[in-house]
Amino acid sequence: MLKEKIYDFIKNETYAVVSTTNRAGHPESALVGFSQTESLEIVFATQDKTRKIENILHNPNVAIAIGPGDEKYTGIQIEGSARVVRVEDAGEYADAHYKKIPSARPRKEDEGECFVIVTLSWARYTDVGSKPEEVIEDYLDAD
């Protein structure tokens, strides 16, 4: 049930905050445009020289927060493991990403463009606008 709730919510969202840790162990966060797969992997494109990529290559553990920022009162918190994929090797990830975020397609040819694919291990769905409030969290990698 949690996976379905997350997917139904994030399929209509475009932006997420991705948090990584640098070599000194300090957190670093970035706003990214994201897409998702049907198997609930989070996908975003970025340049290979960004702090995100440097951090992920050092420590693949990431945290992601997704929420519309309006009066919906719903949000998703996710933790998982990220991997970096070159744009030319991204295949279906790239196709799905550019379908959801067509404005990202022109950067496909940029030198250093790559994709990050996050496999989820834990998630929390929160809807404080519903009565009663709905909060569901669980580990997702124990299937």
N, C-alpha and C. Protein backbone atom coordinates (compact mmCIF):
# COMPACT_ATOMS: atom_id res chain seq x y z
N MET A 1 0.82 -1.19 0.00
CA MET A 1 0.00 0.00 0.00
C MET A 1 0.87 1.26 0.00
N LEU A 2 1.98 1.25 0.72
CA LEU A 2 2.84 2.43 0.78
C LEU A 2 3.42 2.76 -0.59
N LYS A 3 3.91 1.76 -1.30
CA LYS A 3 4.48 2.00 -2.63
C LYS A 3 3.45 2.62 -3.57
N GLU A 4 2.21 2.13 -3.52
CA GLU A 4 1.16 2.67 -4.38
C GLU A 4 0.85 4.13 -4.02
N LYS A 5 0.78 4.43 -2.74
CA LYS A 5 0.53 5.81 -2.29
C LYS A 5 1.64 6.74 -2.78
N ILE A 6 2.87 6.30 -2.63
CA ILE A 6 4.00 7.12 -3.07
C ILE A 6 3.93 7.34 -4.57
N TYR A 7 3.76 6.27 -5.33
CA TYR A 7 3.73 6.40 -6.79
C TYR A 7 2.60 7.33 -7.23
N ASP A 8 1.41 7.14 -6.70
CA ASP A 8 0.27 7.97 -7.08
C ASP A 8 0.52 9.44 -6.78
N PHE A 9 1.24 9.72 -5.70
CA PHE A 9 1.53 11.11 -5.35
C PHE A 9 2.63 11.68 -6.23
N ILE A 10 3.75 10.99 -6.37
CA ILE A 10 4.89 11.58 -7.06
C ILE A 10 4.74 11.63 -8.58
N LYS A 11 3.85 10.84 -9.15
CA LYS A 11 3.70 10.88 -10.61
C LYS A 11 3.23 12.25 -11.08
N ASN A 12 2.63 13.04 -10.20
CA ASN A 12 2.16 14.37 -10.56
C ASN A 12 3.06 15.49 -10.05
N GLU A 13 4.17 15.12 -9.42
CA GLU A 13 5.12 16.12 -8.92
C GLU A 13 6.34 16.16 -9.85
N THR A 14 7.01 17.29 -9.87
CA THR A 14 8.14 17.47 -10.76
C THR A 14 9.45 17.72 -10.04
N TYR A 15 9.39 18.31 -8.84
CA TYR A 15 10.61 18.70 -8.14
C TYR A 15 10.77 17.97 -6.82
N ALA A 16 12.04 17.73 -6.48
CA ALA A 16 12.38 17.08 -5.21
C ALA A 16 13.65 17.71 -4.67
N VAL A 17 13.83 17.61 -3.38
CA VAL A 17 15.09 18.02 -2.76
C VAL A 17 15.86 16.74 -2.46
N VAL A 18 17.07 16.65 -3.01
CA VAL A 18 17.93 15.49 -2.83
C VAL A 18 19.07 15.89 -1.90
N SER A 19 19.26 15.10 -0.87
CA SER A 19 20.33 15.37 0.09
C SER A 19 21.38 14.27 0.03
N THR A 20 22.63 14.70 -0.01
CA THR A 20 23.79 13.81 -0.01
C THR A 20 24.72 14.26 1.10
N THR A 21 25.79 13.51 1.32
CA THR A 21 26.79 13.95 2.29
C THR A 21 28.14 14.06 1.59
N ASN A 22 28.88 15.11 1.94
CA ASN A 22 30.20 15.29 1.33
C ASN A 22 31.24 14.47 2.07
N ARG A 23 32.47 14.54 1.62
CA ARG A 23 33.55 13.73 2.21
C ARG A 23 33.79 14.04 3.69
N ALA A 24 33.44 15.26 4.10
CA ALA A 24 33.60 15.64 5.51
C ALA A 24 32.40 15.20 6.35
N GLY A 25 31.39 14.58 5.70
CA GLY A 25 30.21 14.12 6.42
C GLY A 25 29.14 15.18 6.58
N HIS A 26 29.31 16.32 5.92
CA HIS A 26 28.33 17.40 6.02
C HIS A 26 27.24 17.23 4.96
N PRO A 27 25.99 17.56 5.31
CA PRO A 27 24.90 17.41 4.35
C PRO A 27 24.95 18.50 3.28
N GLU A 28 24.52 18.12 2.09
CA GLU A 28 24.36 19.05 0.97
C GLU A 28 23.07 18.68 0.27
N SER A 29 22.24 19.68 -0.02
CA SER A 29 20.93 19.43 -0.64
C SER A 29 20.82 20.22 -1.93
N ALA A 30 20.03 19.69 -2.85
CA ALA A 30 19.81 20.34 -4.13
C ALA A 30 18.38 20.08 -4.60
N LEU A 31 17.80 21.08 -5.23
CA LEU A 31 16.49 20.94 -5.86
C LEU A 31 16.71 20.37 -7.25
N VAL A 32 16.00 19.30 -7.58
CA VAL A 32 16.14 18.66 -8.90
C VAL A 32 14.77 18.39 -9.49
N GLY A 33 14.70 18.40 -10.81
CA GLY A 33 13.53 17.88 -11.51
C GLY A 33 13.69 16.37 -11.56
N PHE A 34 12.63 15.64 -11.27
CA PHE A 34 12.77 14.18 -11.20
C PHE A 34 11.65 13.49 -11.96
N SER A 35 11.91 12.25 -12.28
CA SER A 35 10.89 11.35 -12.81
C SER A 35 10.97 10.07 -11.98
N GLN A 36 10.12 9.12 -12.29
CA GLN A 36 10.10 7.87 -11.55
C GLN A 36 9.78 6.73 -12.50
N THR A 37 10.21 5.55 -12.10
CA THR A 37 9.88 4.36 -12.87
C THR A 37 8.66 3.70 -12.23
N GLU A 38 8.07 2.77 -12.94
CA GLU A 38 6.93 2.03 -12.39
C GLU A 38 7.35 1.19 -11.20
N SER A 39 8.62 0.82 -11.15
CA SER A 39 9.11 0.04 -10.00
C SER A 39 9.57 0.96 -8.86
N LEU A 40 9.24 2.24 -8.97
CA LEU A 40 9.47 3.25 -7.93
C LEU A 40 10.94 3.57 -7.69
N GLU A 41 11.68 3.69 -8.78
CA GLU A 41 13.01 4.26 -8.70
C GLU A 41 12.86 5.75 -9.01
N ILE A 42 13.63 6.59 -8.35
CA ILE A 42 13.62 8.02 -8.61
C ILE A 42 14.77 8.31 -9.56
N VAL A 43 14.51 9.13 -10.57
CA VAL A 43 15.49 9.42 -11.61
C VAL A 43 15.62 10.93 -11.75
N PHE A 44 16.86 11.42 -11.80
CA PHE A 44 17.07 12.82 -12.15
C PHE A 44 18.35 12.96 -12.97
N ALA A 45 18.39 14.01 -13.77
CA ALA A 45 19.55 14.28 -14.61
C ALA A 45 20.35 15.41 -13.99
N THR A 46 21.65 15.36 -14.20
CA THR A 46 22.54 16.41 -13.69
C THR A 46 23.85 16.33 -14.45
N GLN A 47 24.75 17.23 -14.15
CA GLN A 47 26.08 17.23 -14.75
C GLN A 47 27.04 16.43 -13.88
N ASP A 48 27.99 15.78 -14.52
CA ASP A 48 28.91 14.90 -13.77
C ASP A 48 29.90 15.66 -12.88
N LYS A 49 29.97 16.97 -12.98
CA LYS A 49 30.89 17.75 -12.16
C LYS A 49 30.20 18.42 -10.96
N THR A 50 28.95 18.07 -10.69
CA THR A 50 28.22 18.68 -9.57
C THR A 50 28.64 18.05 -8.25
N ARG A 51 28.35 18.78 -7.18
CA ARG A 51 28.61 18.24 -5.84
C ARG A 51 27.79 16.97 -5.60
N LYS A 52 26.56 16.92 -6.13
CA LYS A 52 25.72 15.73 -5.95
C LYS A 52 26.44 14.49 -6.44
N ILE A 53 26.99 14.57 -7.64
CA ILE A 53 27.65 13.40 -8.22
C ILE A 53 28.90 13.04 -7.43
N GLU A 54 29.71 14.02 -7.11
CA GLU A 54 30.91 13.75 -6.31
C GLU A 54 30.53 13.06 -5.00
N ASN A 55 29.48 13.56 -4.35
CA ASN A 55 29.05 12.97 -3.08
C ASN A 55 28.51 11.56 -3.26
N ILE A 56 27.70 11.35 -4.28
CA ILE A 56 27.12 10.02 -4.53
C ILE A 56 28.20 9.00 -4.85
N LEU A 57 29.21 9.41 -5.61
CA LEU A 57 30.29 8.48 -5.93
C LEU A 57 31.09 8.11 -4.68
N HIS A 58 31.12 9.00 -3.72
CA HIS A 58 31.82 8.73 -2.45
C HIS A 58 30.92 7.94 -1.48
N ASN A 59 29.63 8.30 -1.45
CA ASN A 59 28.66 7.67 -0.54
C ASN A 59 27.31 7.66 -1.25
N PRO A 60 26.83 6.51 -1.71
CA PRO A 60 25.60 6.45 -2.50
C PRO A 60 24.30 6.63 -1.72
N ASN A 61 24.37 6.76 -0.41
CA ASN A 61 23.15 6.93 0.39
C ASN A 61 22.61 8.34 0.24
N VAL A 62 21.33 8.45 -0.12
CA VAL A 62 20.69 9.74 -0.30
C VAL A 62 19.36 9.78 0.43
N ALA A 63 18.92 11.00 0.70
CA ALA A 63 17.57 11.23 1.23
C ALA A 63 16.89 12.20 0.28
N ILE A 64 15.60 12.02 0.08
CA ILE A 64 14.83 12.84 -0.86
C ILE A 64 13.54 13.26 -0.19
N ALA A 65 13.17 14.52 -0.36
CA ALA A 65 11.88 15.03 0.12
C ALA A 65 11.11 15.56 -1.09
N ILE A 66 9.83 15.17 -1.17
CA ILE A 66 8.97 15.60 -2.27
C ILE A 66 7.67 16.12 -1.67
N GLY A 67 7.31 17.31 -2.06
CA GLY A 67 6.06 17.91 -1.61
C GLY A 67 5.73 19.07 -2.52
N PRO A 68 4.45 19.30 -2.76
CA PRO A 68 4.07 20.31 -3.75
C PRO A 68 4.27 21.75 -3.30
N GLY A 69 4.43 21.97 -2.01
CA GLY A 69 4.63 23.33 -1.54
C GLY A 69 3.37 24.17 -1.56
N ASP A 70 2.22 23.56 -1.76
CA ASP A 70 0.97 24.31 -1.71
C ASP A 70 0.13 23.83 -0.54
N GLU A 71 -1.14 23.97 -0.63
CA GLU A 71 -2.02 23.64 0.50
C GLU A 71 -2.49 22.18 0.50
N LYS A 72 -1.78 21.28 -0.18
CA LYS A 72 -2.17 19.88 -0.19
C LYS A 72 -1.81 19.16 1.11
N TYR A 73 -0.81 19.66 1.83
CA TYR A 73 -0.39 19.09 3.11
C TYR A 73 0.07 17.64 3.01
N THR A 74 0.59 17.27 1.86
CA THR A 74 1.07 15.91 1.66
C THR A 74 2.55 15.98 1.30
N GLY A 75 3.32 15.04 1.81
CA GLY A 75 4.73 15.00 1.48
C GLY A 75 5.28 13.59 1.57
N ILE A 76 6.40 13.40 0.91
CA ILE A 76 7.06 12.10 0.88
C ILE A 76 8.50 12.30 1.34
N GLN A 77 8.96 11.44 2.20
CA GLN A 77 10.37 11.37 2.58
C GLN A 77 10.87 10.01 2.13
N ILE A 78 12.02 10.00 1.49
CA ILE A 78 12.56 8.76 0.92
C ILE A 78 14.04 8.65 1.28
N GLU A 79 14.48 7.44 1.52
CA GLU A 79 15.90 7.15 1.64
C GLU A 79 16.22 6.02 0.68
N GLY A 80 17.43 6.05 0.14
CA GLY A 80 17.80 5.00 -0.78
C GLY A 80 19.25 5.07 -1.20
N SER A 81 19.59 4.23 -2.15
CA SER A 81 20.94 4.14 -2.68
C SER A 81 20.94 4.61 -4.13
N ALA A 82 21.86 5.51 -4.44
CA ALA A 82 21.91 6.12 -5.77
C ALA A 82 23.05 5.53 -6.59
N ARG A 83 22.83 5.47 -7.88
CA ARG A 83 23.90 5.11 -8.82
C ARG A 83 23.87 6.09 -9.98
N VAL A 84 25.03 6.31 -10.56
CA VAL A 84 25.18 7.27 -11.65
C VAL A 84 25.27 6.49 -12.96
N VAL A 85 24.50 6.95 -13.97
CA VAL A 85 24.47 6.31 -15.27
C VAL A 85 24.74 7.37 -16.34
N ARG A 86 25.65 7.09 -17.23
CA ARG A 86 25.93 8.02 -18.33
C ARG A 86 24.69 8.17 -19.19
N VAL A 87 24.47 9.36 -19.73
CA VAL A 87 23.26 9.63 -20.49
C VAL A 87 23.10 8.65 -21.66
N GLU A 88 24.19 8.28 -22.31
CA GLU A 88 24.10 7.36 -23.45
C GLU A 88 23.75 5.94 -23.02
N ASP A 89 23.86 5.63 -21.74
CA ASP A 89 23.52 4.30 -21.23
C ASP A 89 22.19 4.28 -20.47
N ALA A 90 21.51 5.41 -20.45
CA ALA A 90 20.31 5.54 -19.61
C ALA A 90 19.06 4.91 -20.22
N GLY A 91 19.00 4.73 -21.51
CA GLY A 91 17.90 4.02 -22.17
C GLY A 91 16.50 4.44 -21.73
N GLU A 92 15.76 3.47 -21.15
CA GLU A 92 14.38 3.73 -20.73
C GLU A 92 14.29 4.77 -19.63
N TYR A 93 15.32 4.89 -18.79
CA TYR A 93 15.32 5.93 -17.76
C TYR A 93 15.27 7.30 -18.41
N ALA A 94 16.10 7.49 -19.44
CA ALA A 94 16.12 8.79 -20.15
C ALA A 94 14.79 9.04 -20.85
N ASP A 95 14.27 8.03 -21.52
CA ASP A 95 12.99 8.19 -22.23
C ASP A 95 11.88 8.63 -21.28
N ALA A 96 11.77 7.97 -20.15
CA ALA A 96 10.72 8.30 -19.18
C ALA A 96 10.96 9.69 -18.58
N HIS A 97 12.22 10.01 -18.33
CA HIS A 97 12.54 11.31 -17.73
C HIS A 97 12.17 12.45 -18.69
N TYR A 98 12.56 12.32 -19.95
CA TYR A 98 12.28 13.38 -20.92
C TYR A 98 10.78 13.46 -21.25
N LYS A 99 10.08 12.36 -21.10
CA LYS A 99 8.63 12.40 -21.29
C LYS A 99 7.97 13.22 -20.18
N LYS A 100 8.41 13.02 -18.94
CA LYS A 100 7.83 13.75 -17.82
C LYS A 100 8.31 15.19 -17.78
N ILE A 101 9.59 15.41 -18.13
CA ILE A 101 10.18 16.75 -18.07
C ILE A 101 10.79 17.06 -19.44
N PRO A 102 9.95 17.42 -20.41
CA PRO A 102 10.46 17.68 -21.76
C PRO A 102 11.46 18.83 -21.82
N SER A 103 11.39 19.76 -20.89
CA SER A 103 12.32 20.89 -20.90
C SER A 103 13.76 20.45 -20.61
N ALA A 104 13.95 19.24 -20.11
CA ALA A 104 15.30 18.72 -19.82
C ALA A 104 15.96 18.11 -21.05
N ARG A 105 15.18 17.80 -22.07
CA ARG A 105 15.71 17.10 -23.24
C ARG A 105 16.86 17.84 -23.93
N PRO A 106 16.82 19.18 -24.09
CA PRO A 106 17.94 19.84 -24.77
C PRO A 106 19.30 19.64 -24.10
N ARG A 107 19.31 19.38 -22.81
CA ARG A 107 20.58 19.16 -22.11
C ARG A 107 21.15 17.76 -22.34
N LYS A 108 20.39 16.92 -23.02
CA LYS A 108 20.83 15.55 -23.29
C LYS A 108 22.19 15.52 -24.00
N GLU A 109 22.43 16.49 -24.84
CA GLU A 109 23.67 16.53 -25.61
C GLU A 109 24.80 17.26 -24.89
N ASP A 110 24.54 17.84 -23.74
CA ASP A 110 25.57 18.56 -23.01
C ASP A 110 26.67 17.61 -22.54
N GLU A 111 27.91 18.05 -22.66
CA GLU A 111 29.02 17.24 -22.18
C GLU A 111 28.89 17.06 -20.67
N GLY A 112 29.04 15.84 -20.21
CA GLY A 112 28.96 15.55 -18.78
C GLY A 112 27.56 15.28 -18.25
N GLU A 113 26.55 15.33 -19.11
CA GLU A 113 25.19 15.04 -18.66
C GLU A 113 25.10 13.56 -18.24
N CYS A 114 24.46 13.31 -17.12
CA CYS A 114 24.29 11.94 -16.63
C CYS A 114 22.98 11.84 -15.86
N PHE A 115 22.63 10.63 -15.51
CA PHE A 115 21.43 10.37 -14.73
C PHE A 115 21.81 9.74 -13.41
N VAL A 116 21.00 10.04 -12.41
CA VAL A 116 21.11 9.38 -11.11
C VAL A 116 19.84 8.58 -10.92
N ILE A 117 19.98 7.31 -10.60
CA ILE A 117 18.85 6.43 -10.34
C ILE A 117 18.93 6.02 -8.87
N VAL A 118 17.83 6.28 -8.16
CA VAL A 118 17.79 5.99 -6.73
C VAL A 118 16.84 4.82 -6.48
N THR A 119 17.38 3.77 -5.88
CA THR A 119 16.59 2.62 -5.47
C THR A 119 16.21 2.86 -4.01
N LEU A 120 14.91 2.83 -3.75
CA LEU A 120 14.42 3.18 -2.42
C LEU A 120 14.62 2.06 -1.41
N SER A 121 14.94 2.46 -0.19
CA SER A 121 15.06 1.47 0.89
C SER A 121 14.08 1.77 2.03
N TRP A 122 13.65 3.03 2.15
CA TRP A 122 12.72 3.43 3.21
C TRP A 122 11.92 4.61 2.70
N ALA A 123 10.66 4.71 3.15
CA ALA A 123 9.83 5.85 2.75
C ALA A 123 8.81 6.17 3.82
N ARG A 124 8.40 7.43 3.82
CA ARG A 124 7.34 7.90 4.72
C ARG A 124 6.41 8.77 3.90
N TYR A 125 5.13 8.42 3.92
CA TYR A 125 4.06 9.18 3.27
C TYR A 125 3.29 9.89 4.37
N THR A 126 3.15 11.21 4.25
CA THR A 126 2.45 11.98 5.26
C THR A 126 1.39 12.85 4.59
N ASP A 127 0.15 12.73 5.07
CA ASP A 127 -0.94 13.60 4.61
C ASP A 127 -1.62 14.15 5.85
N VAL A 128 -1.20 15.36 6.25
CA VAL A 128 -1.78 15.96 7.45
C VAL A 128 -3.07 16.72 7.13
N GLY A 129 -3.45 16.75 5.85
CA GLY A 129 -4.70 17.39 5.46
C GLY A 129 -5.89 16.46 5.55
N SER A 130 -5.65 15.17 5.64
CA SER A 130 -6.75 14.22 5.75
C SER A 130 -7.16 14.09 7.21
N LYS A 131 -8.38 13.68 7.42
CA LYS A 131 -8.89 13.46 8.78
C LYS A 131 -9.31 12.01 8.91
N PRO A 132 -8.70 11.21 9.75
CA PRO A 132 -7.53 11.56 10.55
C PRO A 132 -6.29 11.69 9.67
N GLU A 133 -5.25 12.30 10.22
CA GLU A 133 -3.98 12.41 9.50
C GLU A 133 -3.52 11.01 9.09
N GLU A 134 -2.89 10.95 7.93
CA GLU A 134 -2.40 9.66 7.45
C GLU A 134 -0.88 9.70 7.39
N VAL A 135 -0.24 8.81 8.11
CA VAL A 135 1.21 8.69 8.10
C VAL A 135 1.54 7.21 7.97
N ILE A 136 2.27 6.89 6.89
CA ILE A 136 2.67 5.49 6.65
C ILE A 136 4.16 5.51 6.36
N GLU A 137 4.90 4.67 7.06
CA GLU A 137 6.32 4.55 6.78
C GLU A 137 6.74 3.11 6.90
N ASP A 138 7.75 2.74 6.10
CA ASP A 138 8.21 1.37 6.15
C ASP A 138 9.51 1.25 5.36
N TYR A 139 10.21 0.15 5.61
CA TYR A 139 11.37 -0.20 4.81
C TYR A 139 10.85 -0.84 3.53
N LEU A 140 11.41 -0.45 2.40
CA LEU A 140 10.93 -0.94 1.11
C LEU A 140 11.84 -1.98 0.48
N ASP A 141 13.00 -2.17 1.04
CA ASP A 141 13.96 -3.11 0.46
C ASP A 141 13.89 -4.48 1.09
N ALA A 142 12.88 -4.73 1.91
CA ALA A 142 12.75 -6.01 2.61
C ALA A 142 11.79 -6.97 1.92
N ASP A 143 11.36 -6.61 0.69
CA ASP A 143 10.39 -7.45 -0.02
C ASP A 143 10.92 -8.84 -0.30
